[in-house]
Amino acid sequence: RRDEPKHVLRTFYNNLVAQNYADINAFPEHISRAGAADCKTYEEAMALQQFRSLLLHEEGNELWVCPAASRHWFADGKEISAERAPTHFGPVAFTIRSEAARGRIVATIDPPTRNPPVAIRLRLRHPEGKPMVRVTGNGRELPRAGAAGDVSERFDPSKEWIFLKPAAGRWEVVARY
């Protein structure tokens, strides 16, 4: 909620290392000084939920796609994707393909239709931290945040967010760096 992906990732990976019992591949609720793991279904599910939150997050009536994905996941040639991922709004599918060597990242989003969100936020993090200089959505140039015009579809290079309206159906987004 504080929109700090670097801190979210650090917490996620610290917990993953500190709380994983590799011999039984389990994630306990807390670190035990005695070394005993009292793993319950809830704790196992919570580890998966924490991972899911890196890729999908519902915030009020908005759907956030890749709000805290690691910059390493956006390295040139890599792909992040999900099919029929359950959300409060219904299933969503997305594919993000990095062409960072060519100065762009390409994303396709099939928004949920059962209970559509009011807005979709897509975060595309360049692996080297370069800012977005231009974004197109379905072939149309999107304005920078703060520009005049329709503020519901825009991009914010300082936060690495792209704001979309789900009513448009499938989104083909290209961010240039």
N, C-alpha and C. Protein backbone atom coordinates (compact mmCIF):
# COMPACT_ATOMS: atom_id res chain seq x y z
N ARG A 1 0.81 -1.21 0.00
CA ARG A 1 0.00 0.00 0.00
C ARG A 1 0.85 1.26 0.00
N ARG A 2 2.05 1.17 0.53
CA ARG A 2 2.91 2.35 0.56
C ARG A 2 3.65 2.53 -0.75
N ASP A 3 3.47 1.59 -1.67
CA ASP A 3 4.07 1.68 -3.00
C ASP A 3 5.59 1.80 -2.94
N GLU A 4 6.21 0.84 -2.26
CA GLU A 4 7.66 0.80 -2.12
C GLU A 4 8.17 -0.58 -2.56
N PRO A 5 8.23 -0.82 -3.87
CA PRO A 5 8.58 -2.17 -4.34
C PRO A 5 9.93 -2.67 -3.86
N LYS A 6 10.91 -1.80 -3.73
CA LYS A 6 12.23 -2.23 -3.27
C LYS A 6 12.15 -2.82 -1.87
N HIS A 7 11.39 -2.19 -0.99
CA HIS A 7 11.24 -2.68 0.38
C HIS A 7 10.40 -3.96 0.44
N VAL A 8 9.38 -4.03 -0.39
CA VAL A 8 8.55 -5.24 -0.45
C VAL A 8 9.40 -6.43 -0.86
N LEU A 9 10.22 -6.25 -1.87
CA LEU A 9 11.07 -7.34 -2.34
C LEU A 9 12.09 -7.77 -1.28
N ARG A 10 12.68 -6.80 -0.60
CA ARG A 10 13.64 -7.14 0.44
C ARG A 10 12.97 -7.95 1.55
N THR A 11 11.80 -7.52 1.97
CA THR A 11 11.07 -8.25 3.01
C THR A 11 10.71 -9.66 2.53
N PHE A 12 10.22 -9.76 1.30
CA PHE A 12 9.83 -11.07 0.76
C PHE A 12 11.01 -12.03 0.76
N TYR A 13 12.14 -11.60 0.21
CA TYR A 13 13.30 -12.50 0.13
C TYR A 13 13.92 -12.77 1.50
N ASN A 14 13.92 -11.80 2.39
CA ASN A 14 14.41 -12.06 3.75
C ASN A 14 13.56 -13.13 4.43
N ASN A 15 12.24 -13.01 4.32
CA ASN A 15 11.35 -14.01 4.91
C ASN A 15 11.53 -15.37 4.26
N LEU A 16 11.71 -15.37 2.95
CA LEU A 16 11.88 -16.62 2.23
C LEU A 16 13.10 -17.39 2.74
N VAL A 17 14.19 -16.68 2.95
CA VAL A 17 15.43 -17.32 3.41
C VAL A 17 15.34 -17.67 4.89
N ALA A 18 14.85 -16.76 5.70
CA ALA A 18 14.85 -16.97 7.15
C ALA A 18 13.82 -17.99 7.60
N GLN A 19 12.73 -18.12 6.89
CA GLN A 19 11.65 -18.98 7.38
C GLN A 19 11.44 -20.26 6.59
N ASN A 20 12.27 -20.52 5.62
CA ASN A 20 12.11 -21.74 4.83
C ASN A 20 12.84 -22.90 5.50
N TYR A 21 12.12 -23.96 5.74
CA TYR A 21 12.73 -25.19 6.23
C TYR A 21 12.97 -26.07 5.01
N ALA A 22 14.19 -26.03 4.48
CA ALA A 22 14.50 -26.70 3.23
C ALA A 22 14.33 -28.21 3.30
N ASP A 23 14.57 -28.81 4.47
CA ASP A 23 14.47 -30.26 4.57
C ASP A 23 13.04 -30.76 4.37
N ILE A 24 12.05 -29.91 4.70
CA ILE A 24 10.65 -30.31 4.48
C ILE A 24 9.94 -29.35 3.54
N ASN A 25 10.68 -28.36 3.00
CA ASN A 25 10.14 -27.37 2.06
C ASN A 25 8.87 -26.73 2.61
N ALA A 26 9.00 -26.14 3.80
CA ALA A 26 7.85 -25.55 4.48
C ALA A 26 8.18 -24.15 4.98
N PHE A 27 7.14 -23.36 5.18
CA PHE A 27 7.26 -21.99 5.66
C PHE A 27 6.47 -21.84 6.95
N PRO A 28 7.14 -21.84 8.11
CA PRO A 28 6.41 -21.70 9.37
C PRO A 28 5.96 -20.25 9.60
N GLU A 29 5.12 -20.10 10.60
CA GLU A 29 4.58 -18.78 10.93
C GLU A 29 5.66 -17.82 11.41
N HIS A 30 6.60 -18.34 12.17
CA HIS A 30 7.66 -17.49 12.71
C HIS A 30 8.93 -18.33 12.89
N ILE A 31 10.02 -17.66 13.12
CA ILE A 31 11.29 -18.33 13.33
C ILE A 31 11.33 -18.86 14.75
N SER A 32 11.64 -20.13 14.91
CA SER A 32 11.68 -20.75 16.22
C SER A 32 13.13 -20.90 16.68
N ARG A 33 13.39 -20.50 17.92
CA ARG A 33 14.75 -20.65 18.46
C ARG A 33 15.12 -22.11 18.63
N ALA A 34 14.11 -22.95 18.86
CA ALA A 34 14.38 -24.37 19.05
C ALA A 34 14.60 -25.10 17.74
N GLY A 35 14.31 -24.43 16.63
CA GLY A 35 14.50 -25.05 15.34
C GLY A 35 13.35 -25.93 14.91
N ALA A 36 12.28 -25.97 15.68
CA ALA A 36 11.14 -26.80 15.33
C ALA A 36 10.20 -26.04 14.40
N ALA A 37 9.68 -26.73 13.42
CA ALA A 37 8.74 -26.12 12.47
C ALA A 37 7.35 -26.65 12.75
N ASP A 38 6.46 -25.77 13.11
CA ASP A 38 5.06 -26.13 13.32
C ASP A 38 4.29 -25.53 12.14
N CYS A 39 4.41 -26.17 10.99
CA CYS A 39 3.85 -25.61 9.75
C CYS A 39 2.38 -25.98 9.62
N LYS A 40 1.60 -24.96 9.34
CA LYS A 40 0.16 -25.15 9.17
C LYS A 40 -0.23 -24.69 7.76
N THR A 41 -1.37 -25.15 7.31
CA THR A 41 -1.82 -24.82 5.96
C THR A 41 -1.87 -23.32 5.73
N TYR A 42 -2.34 -22.57 6.71
CA TYR A 42 -2.42 -21.12 6.57
C TYR A 42 -1.06 -20.52 6.25
N GLU A 43 -0.02 -20.99 6.94
CA GLU A 43 1.31 -20.43 6.73
C GLU A 43 1.84 -20.75 5.34
N GLU A 44 1.58 -21.96 4.88
CA GLU A 44 1.99 -22.33 3.53
C GLU A 44 1.28 -21.45 2.51
N ALA A 45 -0.01 -21.24 2.71
CA ALA A 45 -0.79 -20.40 1.79
C ALA A 45 -0.32 -18.95 1.84
N MET A 46 0.07 -18.49 3.02
CA MET A 46 0.51 -17.10 3.15
C MET A 46 1.80 -16.85 2.36
N ALA A 47 2.69 -17.83 2.32
CA ALA A 47 3.91 -17.67 1.52
C ALA A 47 3.55 -17.49 0.04
N LEU A 48 2.58 -18.24 -0.43
CA LEU A 48 2.14 -18.09 -1.82
C LEU A 48 1.43 -16.76 -2.03
N GLN A 49 0.64 -16.34 -1.06
CA GLN A 49 -0.05 -15.05 -1.15
C GLN A 49 0.95 -13.90 -1.22
N GLN A 50 2.01 -14.00 -0.44
CA GLN A 50 3.03 -12.95 -0.48
C GLN A 50 3.70 -12.90 -1.85
N PHE A 51 3.95 -14.07 -2.44
CA PHE A 51 4.52 -14.09 -3.79
C PHE A 51 3.54 -13.50 -4.80
N ARG A 52 2.26 -13.87 -4.69
CA ARG A 52 1.24 -13.35 -5.59
C ARG A 52 1.19 -11.83 -5.54
N SER A 53 1.37 -11.25 -4.35
CA SER A 53 1.28 -9.80 -4.21
C SER A 53 2.39 -9.07 -4.97
N LEU A 54 3.45 -9.76 -5.34
CA LEU A 54 4.48 -9.15 -6.17
C LEU A 54 3.97 -8.96 -7.60
N LEU A 55 3.03 -9.82 -8.01
CA LEU A 55 2.53 -9.82 -9.38
C LEU A 55 1.14 -9.21 -9.53
N LEU A 56 0.28 -9.41 -8.56
CA LEU A 56 -1.10 -8.90 -8.62
C LEU A 56 -1.53 -8.42 -7.24
N HIS A 57 -2.24 -7.29 -7.24
CA HIS A 57 -2.72 -6.74 -5.97
C HIS A 57 -4.00 -5.97 -6.24
N GLU A 58 -5.01 -6.18 -5.40
CA GLU A 58 -6.24 -5.42 -5.47
C GLU A 58 -6.17 -4.32 -4.42
N GLU A 59 -6.34 -3.10 -4.84
CA GLU A 59 -6.32 -1.95 -3.92
C GLU A 59 -7.60 -1.16 -4.16
N GLY A 60 -8.58 -1.37 -3.27
CA GLY A 60 -9.88 -0.73 -3.46
C GLY A 60 -10.51 -1.22 -4.75
N ASN A 61 -10.84 -0.30 -5.64
CA ASN A 61 -11.46 -0.69 -6.90
C ASN A 61 -10.45 -0.69 -8.06
N GLU A 62 -9.16 -0.81 -7.73
CA GLU A 62 -8.10 -0.86 -8.74
C GLU A 62 -7.41 -2.23 -8.71
N LEU A 63 -6.95 -2.66 -9.87
CA LEU A 63 -6.14 -3.86 -9.99
C LEU A 63 -4.72 -3.43 -10.37
N TRP A 64 -3.75 -3.85 -9.58
CA TRP A 64 -2.35 -3.51 -9.82
C TRP A 64 -1.65 -4.74 -10.40
N VAL A 65 -1.02 -4.57 -11.54
CA VAL A 65 -0.29 -5.66 -12.20
C VAL A 65 1.21 -5.41 -12.05
N CYS A 66 1.89 -6.37 -11.51
CA CYS A 66 3.34 -6.31 -11.23
C CYS A 66 3.73 -5.12 -10.35
N PRO A 67 3.03 -4.90 -9.25
CA PRO A 67 3.35 -3.75 -8.41
C PRO A 67 4.71 -3.83 -7.75
N ALA A 68 5.24 -5.05 -7.56
CA ALA A 68 6.53 -5.17 -6.87
C ALA A 68 7.41 -6.23 -7.52
N ALA A 69 7.26 -6.42 -8.82
CA ALA A 69 8.12 -7.38 -9.51
C ALA A 69 9.56 -6.86 -9.52
N SER A 70 10.49 -7.76 -9.34
CA SER A 70 11.90 -7.41 -9.28
C SER A 70 12.40 -6.89 -10.63
N ARG A 71 13.29 -5.94 -10.59
CA ARG A 71 13.91 -5.44 -11.83
C ARG A 71 14.59 -6.57 -12.60
N HIS A 72 15.14 -7.55 -11.89
CA HIS A 72 15.81 -8.68 -12.54
C HIS A 72 14.85 -9.46 -13.42
N TRP A 73 13.57 -9.48 -13.06
CA TRP A 73 12.58 -10.20 -13.85
C TRP A 73 12.31 -9.51 -15.19
N PHE A 74 12.73 -8.24 -15.30
CA PHE A 74 12.55 -7.48 -16.53
C PHE A 74 13.82 -7.42 -17.38
N ALA A 75 14.79 -8.27 -17.10
CA ALA A 75 16.02 -8.30 -17.89
C ALA A 75 15.69 -8.67 -19.34
N ASP A 76 16.52 -8.20 -20.25
CA ASP A 76 16.27 -8.42 -21.67
C ASP A 76 16.03 -9.89 -21.98
N GLY A 77 14.96 -10.16 -22.72
CA GLY A 77 14.61 -11.51 -23.14
C GLY A 77 13.74 -12.27 -22.16
N LYS A 78 13.55 -11.74 -20.96
CA LYS A 78 12.73 -12.44 -19.96
C LYS A 78 11.25 -12.12 -20.15
N GLU A 79 10.42 -13.02 -19.61
CA GLU A 79 8.98 -12.87 -19.73
C GLU A 79 8.32 -13.17 -18.38
N ILE A 80 7.34 -12.37 -18.04
CA ILE A 80 6.51 -12.59 -16.85
C ILE A 80 5.10 -12.80 -17.37
N SER A 81 4.43 -13.87 -16.94
CA SER A 81 3.07 -14.08 -17.43
C SER A 81 2.22 -14.82 -16.41
N ALA A 82 0.93 -14.63 -16.56
CA ALA A 82 -0.06 -15.34 -15.75
C ALA A 82 -1.29 -15.57 -16.62
N GLU A 83 -1.92 -16.71 -16.45
CA GLU A 83 -3.16 -17.02 -17.17
C GLU A 83 -4.24 -17.35 -16.16
N ARG A 84 -5.40 -16.78 -16.37
CA ARG A 84 -6.56 -17.04 -15.51
C ARG A 84 -6.23 -16.85 -14.03
N ALA A 85 -5.44 -15.84 -13.72
CA ALA A 85 -5.08 -15.57 -12.33
C ALA A 85 -6.30 -15.01 -11.61
N PRO A 86 -6.71 -15.64 -10.50
CA PRO A 86 -7.91 -15.17 -9.81
C PRO A 86 -7.68 -13.84 -9.10
N THR A 87 -8.64 -12.94 -9.24
CA THR A 87 -8.64 -11.68 -8.52
C THR A 87 -10.06 -11.42 -8.03
N HIS A 88 -10.21 -10.43 -7.18
CA HIS A 88 -11.54 -10.02 -6.71
C HIS A 88 -12.44 -9.64 -7.89
N PHE A 89 -11.84 -9.16 -8.96
CA PHE A 89 -12.58 -8.66 -10.12
C PHE A 89 -12.87 -9.75 -11.15
N GLY A 90 -12.31 -10.92 -10.96
CA GLY A 90 -12.42 -12.01 -11.92
C GLY A 90 -11.04 -12.38 -12.44
N PRO A 91 -10.96 -13.42 -13.26
CA PRO A 91 -9.66 -13.86 -13.75
C PRO A 91 -9.02 -12.82 -14.67
N VAL A 92 -7.70 -12.73 -14.58
CA VAL A 92 -6.92 -11.81 -15.41
C VAL A 92 -5.78 -12.59 -16.04
N ALA A 93 -5.38 -12.19 -17.23
CA ALA A 93 -4.22 -12.77 -17.88
C ALA A 93 -3.31 -11.64 -18.33
N PHE A 94 -2.01 -11.87 -18.22
CA PHE A 94 -1.06 -10.87 -18.72
C PHE A 94 0.24 -11.53 -19.12
N THR A 95 0.91 -10.89 -20.06
CA THR A 95 2.25 -11.30 -20.48
C THR A 95 3.08 -10.04 -20.62
N ILE A 96 4.24 -10.05 -20.02
CA ILE A 96 5.18 -8.92 -20.13
C ILE A 96 6.48 -9.49 -20.68
N ARG A 97 6.92 -8.92 -21.79
CA ARG A 97 8.13 -9.38 -22.46
C ARG A 97 9.13 -8.23 -22.51
N SER A 98 10.31 -8.49 -21.98
CA SER A 98 11.33 -7.45 -21.97
C SER A 98 12.16 -7.48 -23.25
N GLU A 99 12.24 -6.34 -23.88
CA GLU A 99 13.14 -6.11 -25.00
C GLU A 99 14.02 -4.93 -24.62
N ALA A 100 14.56 -5.01 -23.40
CA ALA A 100 15.33 -3.91 -22.83
C ALA A 100 16.53 -3.52 -23.69
N ALA A 101 17.14 -4.46 -24.38
CA ALA A 101 18.27 -4.15 -25.24
C ALA A 101 17.84 -3.25 -26.41
N ARG A 102 16.56 -3.35 -26.78
CA ARG A 102 16.00 -2.50 -27.84
C ARG A 102 15.31 -1.26 -27.25
N GLY A 103 15.39 -1.11 -25.93
CA GLY A 103 14.84 0.07 -25.28
C GLY A 103 13.34 0.02 -25.07
N ARG A 104 12.78 -1.18 -24.90
CA ARG A 104 11.34 -1.25 -24.68
C ARG A 104 10.94 -2.50 -23.90
N ILE A 105 9.77 -2.40 -23.27
CA ILE A 105 9.13 -3.52 -22.60
C ILE A 105 7.70 -3.56 -23.12
N VAL A 106 7.25 -4.76 -23.51
CA VAL A 106 5.94 -4.93 -24.13
C VAL A 106 5.04 -5.74 -23.20
N ALA A 107 3.81 -5.28 -23.01
CA ALA A 107 2.87 -5.98 -22.13
C ALA A 107 1.53 -6.15 -22.82
N THR A 108 0.90 -7.28 -22.55
CA THR A 108 -0.47 -7.55 -23.00
C THR A 108 -1.27 -7.92 -21.76
N ILE A 109 -2.41 -7.26 -21.59
CA ILE A 109 -3.27 -7.54 -20.44
C ILE A 109 -4.68 -7.83 -20.94
N ASP A 110 -5.23 -8.97 -20.49
CA ASP A 110 -6.64 -9.28 -20.69
C ASP A 110 -7.32 -9.04 -19.35
N PRO A 111 -7.97 -7.88 -19.19
CA PRO A 111 -8.53 -7.51 -17.89
C PRO A 111 -9.70 -8.42 -17.48
N PRO A 112 -9.96 -8.46 -16.20
CA PRO A 112 -11.12 -9.22 -15.72
C PRO A 112 -12.42 -8.56 -16.17
N THR A 113 -13.44 -9.38 -16.43
CA THR A 113 -14.71 -8.84 -16.91
C THR A 113 -15.89 -9.12 -15.96
N ARG A 114 -15.72 -10.05 -15.03
CA ARG A 114 -16.83 -10.40 -14.14
C ARG A 114 -17.29 -9.22 -13.30
N ASN A 115 -16.34 -8.54 -12.70
CA ASN A 115 -16.60 -7.38 -11.85
C ASN A 115 -15.46 -6.40 -12.14
N PRO A 116 -15.50 -5.72 -13.29
CA PRO A 116 -14.33 -4.96 -13.74
C PRO A 116 -13.87 -3.91 -12.74
N PRO A 117 -12.55 -3.78 -12.57
CA PRO A 117 -12.03 -2.72 -11.73
C PRO A 117 -12.25 -1.36 -12.41
N VAL A 118 -12.20 -0.31 -11.63
CA VAL A 118 -12.33 1.03 -12.19
C VAL A 118 -11.07 1.39 -12.97
N ALA A 119 -9.92 0.91 -12.50
CA ALA A 119 -8.66 1.23 -13.15
C ALA A 119 -7.69 0.05 -13.00
N ILE A 120 -6.76 -0.01 -13.92
CA ILE A 120 -5.66 -0.98 -13.87
C ILE A 120 -4.36 -0.19 -13.84
N ARG A 121 -3.52 -0.54 -12.89
CA ARG A 121 -2.16 0.04 -12.84
C ARG A 121 -1.19 -1.06 -13.23
N LEU A 122 -0.33 -0.74 -14.17
CA LEU A 122 0.70 -1.66 -14.63
C LEU A 122 2.05 -1.04 -14.33
N ARG A 123 2.88 -1.78 -13.62
CA ARG A 123 4.23 -1.27 -13.32
C ARG A 123 5.23 -2.04 -14.17
N LEU A 124 5.98 -1.29 -14.99
CA LEU A 124 7.04 -1.87 -15.80
C LEU A 124 8.35 -1.25 -15.34
N ARG A 125 9.20 -2.07 -14.73
CA ARG A 125 10.46 -1.59 -14.14
C ARG A 125 11.63 -1.97 -15.03
N HIS A 126 12.26 -0.98 -15.63
CA HIS A 126 13.42 -1.25 -16.47
C HIS A 126 14.51 -1.88 -15.62
N PRO A 127 15.20 -2.92 -16.13
CA PRO A 127 16.19 -3.62 -15.31
C PRO A 127 17.34 -2.73 -14.84
N GLU A 128 17.62 -1.65 -15.56
CA GLU A 128 18.70 -0.74 -15.16
C GLU A 128 18.16 0.54 -14.52
N GLY A 129 16.86 0.59 -14.28
CA GLY A 129 16.26 1.75 -13.63
C GLY A 129 16.04 2.94 -14.55
N LYS A 130 16.13 2.74 -15.85
CA LYS A 130 15.90 3.84 -16.79
C LYS A 130 14.44 4.27 -16.75
N PRO A 131 14.17 5.57 -16.89
CA PRO A 131 12.78 6.04 -16.86
C PRO A 131 12.08 5.84 -18.22
N MET A 132 10.76 5.66 -18.16
CA MET A 132 9.97 5.60 -19.38
C MET A 132 9.99 6.98 -20.03
N VAL A 133 10.14 7.00 -21.35
CA VAL A 133 10.09 8.28 -22.05
C VAL A 133 8.85 8.37 -22.95
N ARG A 134 8.28 7.22 -23.27
CA ARG A 134 7.10 7.19 -24.15
C ARG A 134 6.36 5.89 -23.92
N VAL A 135 5.04 5.95 -23.88
CA VAL A 135 4.22 4.75 -23.70
C VAL A 135 3.06 4.80 -24.69
N THR A 136 2.81 3.67 -25.35
CA THR A 136 1.62 3.55 -26.19
C THR A 136 0.74 2.47 -25.63
N GLY A 137 -0.57 2.69 -25.73
CA GLY A 137 -1.57 1.71 -25.32
C GLY A 137 -2.51 1.47 -26.49
N ASN A 138 -2.55 0.23 -26.97
CA ASN A 138 -3.34 -0.12 -28.15
C ASN A 138 -3.03 0.81 -29.32
N GLY A 139 -1.75 1.12 -29.49
CA GLY A 139 -1.30 1.93 -30.60
C GLY A 139 -1.45 3.44 -30.43
N ARG A 140 -2.01 3.85 -29.30
CA ARG A 140 -2.25 5.27 -29.05
C ARG A 140 -1.27 5.78 -28.00
N GLU A 141 -0.72 6.94 -28.25
CA GLU A 141 0.23 7.57 -27.32
C GLU A 141 -0.49 7.92 -26.01
N LEU A 142 0.09 7.53 -24.87
CA LEU A 142 -0.47 7.89 -23.57
C LEU A 142 0.27 9.10 -23.03
N PRO A 143 -0.46 10.05 -22.41
CA PRO A 143 0.20 11.24 -21.87
C PRO A 143 0.93 10.92 -20.57
N ARG A 144 1.92 11.76 -20.27
CA ARG A 144 2.59 11.67 -18.97
C ARG A 144 1.62 12.14 -17.89
N ALA A 145 1.80 11.63 -16.69
CA ALA A 145 1.00 12.10 -15.55
C ALA A 145 1.19 13.60 -15.42
N GLY A 146 0.11 14.32 -15.18
CA GLY A 146 0.18 15.76 -15.05
C GLY A 146 -0.10 16.50 -16.34
N ALA A 147 -0.18 15.76 -17.48
CA ALA A 147 -0.48 16.40 -18.76
C ALA A 147 -1.97 16.68 -18.86
N ALA A 148 -2.33 17.63 -19.67
CA ALA A 148 -3.74 17.97 -19.88
C ALA A 148 -4.42 16.83 -20.63
N GLY A 149 -5.72 16.72 -20.46
CA GLY A 149 -6.49 15.71 -21.19
C GLY A 149 -7.01 14.64 -20.26
N ASP A 150 -7.31 13.48 -20.84
CA ASP A 150 -7.88 12.36 -20.09
C ASP A 150 -6.85 11.81 -19.13
N VAL A 151 -7.06 12.03 -17.85
CA VAL A 151 -6.08 11.61 -16.85
C VAL A 151 -6.25 10.15 -16.44
N SER A 152 -7.26 9.46 -16.95
CA SER A 152 -7.46 8.07 -16.55
C SER A 152 -6.49 7.14 -17.26
N GLU A 153 -5.98 7.52 -18.43
CA GLU A 153 -4.98 6.72 -19.14
C GLU A 153 -3.74 7.58 -19.29
N ARG A 154 -2.68 7.18 -18.58
CA ARG A 154 -1.46 7.99 -18.56
C ARG A 154 -0.31 7.13 -18.05
N PHE A 155 0.89 7.72 -18.02
CA PHE A 155 2.02 7.02 -17.41
C PHE A 155 2.80 8.00 -16.55
N ASP A 156 3.39 7.43 -15.50
CA ASP A 156 4.16 8.21 -14.54
C ASP A 156 5.58 7.63 -14.48
N PRO A 157 6.54 8.26 -15.19
CA PRO A 157 7.89 7.70 -15.22
C PRO A 157 8.58 7.67 -13.86
N SER A 158 8.25 8.58 -12.97
CA SER A 158 8.93 8.61 -11.67
C SER A 158 8.52 7.42 -10.79
N LYS A 159 7.30 6.93 -10.95
CA LYS A 159 6.82 5.78 -10.17
C LYS A 159 6.79 4.49 -10.99
N GLU A 160 7.05 4.60 -12.29
CA GLU A 160 7.05 3.46 -13.21
C GLU A 160 5.67 2.84 -13.40
N TRP A 161 4.62 3.64 -13.22
CA TRP A 161 3.25 3.17 -13.35
C TRP A 161 2.68 3.57 -14.71
N ILE A 162 1.82 2.70 -15.24
CA ILE A 162 1.00 3.00 -16.41
C ILE A 162 -0.44 2.78 -15.96
N PHE A 163 -1.28 3.79 -16.16
CA PHE A 163 -2.68 3.74 -15.72
C PHE A 163 -3.57 3.47 -16.92
N LEU A 164 -4.43 2.46 -16.80
CA LEU A 164 -5.29 2.04 -17.91
C LEU A 164 -6.74 1.91 -17.46
N LYS A 165 -7.66 2.04 -18.43
CA LYS A 165 -9.08 1.79 -18.19
C LYS A 165 -9.39 0.37 -18.65
N PRO A 166 -9.99 -0.46 -17.82
CA PRO A 166 -10.26 -1.84 -18.22
C PRO A 166 -11.38 -1.97 -19.25
N ALA A 167 -12.21 -0.96 -19.42
CA ALA A 167 -13.34 -1.04 -20.34
C ALA A 167 -12.90 -1.20 -21.79
N ALA A 168 -11.65 -0.93 -22.06
CA ALA A 168 -11.15 -0.99 -23.44
C ALA A 168 -10.89 -2.42 -23.91
N GLY A 169 -11.09 -3.43 -23.06
CA GLY A 169 -10.79 -4.81 -23.43
C GLY A 169 -9.30 -5.07 -23.33
N ARG A 170 -8.80 -5.90 -24.23
CA ARG A 170 -7.37 -6.26 -24.20
C ARG A 170 -6.51 -5.01 -24.40
N TRP A 171 -5.45 -4.94 -23.60
CA TRP A 171 -4.50 -3.85 -23.71
C TRP A 171 -3.17 -4.37 -24.25
N GLU A 172 -2.65 -3.72 -25.26
CA GLU A 172 -1.30 -3.96 -25.78
C GLU A 172 -0.52 -2.69 -25.43
N VAL A 173 0.45 -2.81 -24.54
CA VAL A 173 1.19 -1.65 -24.05
C VAL A 173 2.66 -1.79 -24.41
N VAL A 174 3.24 -0.69 -24.90
CA VAL A 174 4.67 -0.67 -25.20
C VAL A 174 5.26 0.54 -24.48
N ALA A 175 6.20 0.26 -23.59
CA ALA A 175 6.91 1.33 -22.87
C ALA A 175 8.30 1.43 -23.47
N ARG A 176 8.66 2.67 -23.81
CA ARG A 176 9.99 2.91 -24.39
C ARG A 176 10.85 3.66 -23.38
N TYR A 177 12.13 3.32 -23.38
CA TYR A 177 13.07 3.85 -22.39
C TYR A 177 14.23 4.55 -23.06
